[in-house]
Protein backbone atom coordinates (compact mmCIF):
# COMPACT_ATOMS: atom_id res chain seq x y z
CA MET A 1 104.59 86.48 105.28
CA ALA A 2 104.97 90.08 103.68
CA ILE A 3 103.24 91.89 106.55
CA GLU A 4 105.94 90.76 108.76
CA LYS A 5 108.77 91.99 106.77
CA VAL A 6 107.05 95.49 106.59
CA ARG A 7 106.69 95.26 110.35
CA GLU A 8 110.00 94.84 110.52
CA TYR A 9 110.73 97.46 108.24
CA PHE A 10 108.91 99.85 110.51
CA ARG A 11 110.16 98.74 113.49
CA LYS A 12 113.56 100.37 112.70
CA TYR A 13 111.56 103.54 112.92
CA ASP A 14 109.45 102.69 115.93
CA MET A 15 106.46 102.93 113.94
CA GLU A 16 105.26 99.12 113.70
CA ASP A 17 102.51 100.04 116.32
CA ARG A 18 100.83 102.21 113.53
CA ILE A 19 100.24 99.39 111.17
CA GLN A 20 96.49 98.34 110.97
CA GLU A 21 95.56 94.86 110.80
CA PHE A 22 91.84 94.45 109.52
CA ASP A 23 89.39 91.80 110.19
CA VAL A 24 88.03 92.08 106.54
CA SER A 25 90.18 92.38 103.12
CA SER A 26 91.54 95.69 102.01
CA ALA A 27 92.95 94.21 98.72
CA THR A 28 90.99 96.54 96.76
CA VAL A 29 90.71 100.50 96.81
CA GLU A 30 86.83 100.21 97.67
CA LEU A 31 87.63 97.38 100.48
CA ALA A 32 90.38 99.45 101.70
CA ALA A 33 88.61 102.52 102.19
CA GLN A 34 85.76 100.57 103.93
CA ALA A 35 88.44 98.94 106.49
CA ALA A 36 90.24 102.34 106.99
CA HIS A 37 87.03 104.50 107.02
CA CYS A 38 88.30 106.91 104.63
CA GLU A 39 87.42 108.15 101.15
CA PRO A 40 88.51 105.70 98.43
CA CYS A 41 90.88 108.42 96.81
CA ARG A 42 92.88 108.55 99.94
CA ILE A 43 93.90 104.99 99.63
CA ALA A 44 97.37 104.84 98.46
CA LYS A 45 97.43 102.32 95.80
CA THR A 46 100.78 100.71 94.65
CA LEU A 47 100.84 99.93 91.05
CA SER A 48 103.82 97.40 89.80
CA PHE A 49 105.19 97.63 86.37
CA LYS A 50 108.08 96.63 84.13
CA VAL A 51 110.29 98.83 82.46
CA ASN A 52 113.22 97.56 80.86
CA ASP A 53 112.80 94.11 82.58
CA ARG A 54 112.99 95.74 86.06
CA PRO A 55 110.40 96.30 88.28
CA ILE A 56 109.07 99.68 89.35
CA LEU A 57 106.32 100.86 91.70
CA ILE A 58 103.95 103.68 91.27
CA VAL A 59 102.14 104.89 94.30
CA SER A 60 99.15 106.74 93.50
CA ALA A 61 95.93 108.09 94.97
CA GLY A 62 93.05 105.31 95.02
CA ASP A 63 90.92 107.43 92.09
CA ALA A 64 93.87 107.64 90.00
CA LYS A 65 94.39 105.57 86.95
CA ILE A 66 97.40 105.43 84.79
CA ASP A 67 97.46 107.88 81.55
CA ASN A 68 99.29 105.72 79.06
CA LYS A 69 100.81 109.08 77.30
CA LYS A 70 102.11 110.46 80.22
CA TYR A 71 103.58 107.12 81.28
CA LYS A 72 105.38 106.77 78.10
CA ALA A 73 106.65 110.21 78.01
CA LYS A 74 108.06 109.69 81.58
CA PHE A 75 109.46 106.12 81.16
CA GLY A 76 110.01 105.85 77.63
CA THR A 77 107.94 102.49 77.19
CA LYS A 78 104.46 101.55 77.15
CA ALA A 79 102.77 100.88 80.58
CA LYS A 80 103.25 96.94 81.25
CA MET A 81 102.01 95.72 84.39
CA LEU A 82 103.65 92.89 86.12
CA THR A 83 101.85 89.58 86.46
CA PRO A 84 100.63 88.49 89.98
CA GLU A 85 103.44 85.89 89.87
CA GLU A 86 106.11 88.64 89.02
CA VAL A 87 104.78 91.12 91.61
CA GLU A 88 105.42 88.50 94.32
CA ILE A 89 108.96 87.64 93.04
CA MET A 90 110.35 90.80 92.01
CA VAL A 91 108.82 93.02 94.59
CA GLY A 92 108.27 90.69 97.51
CA HIS A 93 104.28 91.22 97.98
CA ALA A 94 101.23 89.64 96.83
CA VAL A 95 98.74 91.35 94.70
CA GLY A 96 96.25 93.01 97.25
CA GLY A 97 99.18 94.05 99.95
CA VAL A 98 101.64 95.53 97.57
CA CYS A 99 103.39 98.65 99.23
CA PRO A 100 106.88 100.38 98.77
CA PHE A 101 107.83 99.21 102.16
CA GLY A 102 110.02 95.98 103.01
CA ILE A 103 110.49 95.36 99.12
CA GLN A 104 113.13 93.54 97.14
CA GLU A 105 116.49 95.45 96.40
CA GLY A 106 116.68 97.25 93.23
CA VAL A 107 112.71 98.02 92.84
CA GLN A 108 112.49 101.56 91.96
CA VAL A 109 109.63 103.76 93.94
CA TYR A 110 107.75 106.55 92.33
CA LEU A 111 105.18 108.72 93.83
CA ASP A 112 102.47 110.05 91.47
CA GLU A 113 101.32 113.62 92.05
CA SER A 114 97.86 112.63 92.55
CA LEU A 115 98.66 111.99 96.33
CA LYS A 116 99.80 115.67 96.76
CA ARG A 117 96.13 116.87 97.37
CA PHE A 118 95.75 115.14 100.52
CA GLU A 119 97.32 115.43 104.14
CA THR A 120 97.35 111.94 104.92
CA VAL A 121 97.13 108.66 102.75
CA PHE A 122 96.59 104.98 103.74
CA PRO A 123 99.22 102.41 101.63
CA ALA A 124 98.86 98.67 102.35
CA CYS A 125 101.49 97.10 104.53
CA GLY A 126 102.20 94.00 102.82
CA SER A 127 99.02 91.88 103.07
CA SER A 128 95.42 92.09 101.73
CA ASN A 129 94.09 93.30 105.08
CA SER A 130 96.28 96.00 106.67
CA ALA A 131 97.18 99.59 105.90
CA ILE A 132 99.19 102.44 107.56
CA GLU A 133 98.00 106.12 107.63
CA LEU A 134 101.13 108.42 106.83
CA THR A 135 101.42 112.13 105.82
CA ILE A 136 102.67 112.67 102.61
CA GLU A 137 106.08 113.63 104.17
CA GLU A 138 106.02 110.53 106.04
CA LEU A 139 105.30 108.46 102.77
CA GLU A 140 108.25 110.34 100.97
CA LEU A 141 110.51 109.39 103.70
CA TYR A 142 109.55 105.69 104.47
CA SER A 143 109.00 104.59 100.75
CA GLY A 144 112.50 105.39 99.75
CA PHE A 145 110.87 106.92 96.53
CA LEU A 146 113.11 108.18 93.63
CA ALA A 147 110.85 111.08 92.21
CA TRP A 148 107.49 112.48 92.37
CA VAL A 149 105.78 111.76 88.64
CA ASP A 150 102.97 113.02 86.86
CA VAL A 151 101.77 109.70 85.05
CA CYS A 152 98.07 109.71 86.31
CA LYS A 153 94.72 111.04 85.41
CA TYR A 154 92.08 111.35 88.21
């Protein structure tokens, strides 16, 4: 199960105990906000795209949406999301639990500027009923991100 992969990933940093598992679904921004008792905008949703046949992840605020013009300017191609099947195979997590932790080799991670307005955010942890509260600095550290990008509107 992907949450075990994420738990193992955070175990290296002695942080696995910070993963929250809920009795309810956190598969959407709204459900995750209810489960984590926070505003929907503080859910760090991880979106999966294909750029030149390679998977990339963009972690953005829960209230942000991809701005196609900004995305194309940054990545040189139209925003094309992975199918649920591709996400599981190429990223290593199923839709509803996608996160930048414990992912397949070669997946590039980007953090969107929409997150910078928060002190802490709640990304998923590999399952549709999990999250972890991280500071922005911790998200930078543990996500293995390549760069901050500005590809969303909110």
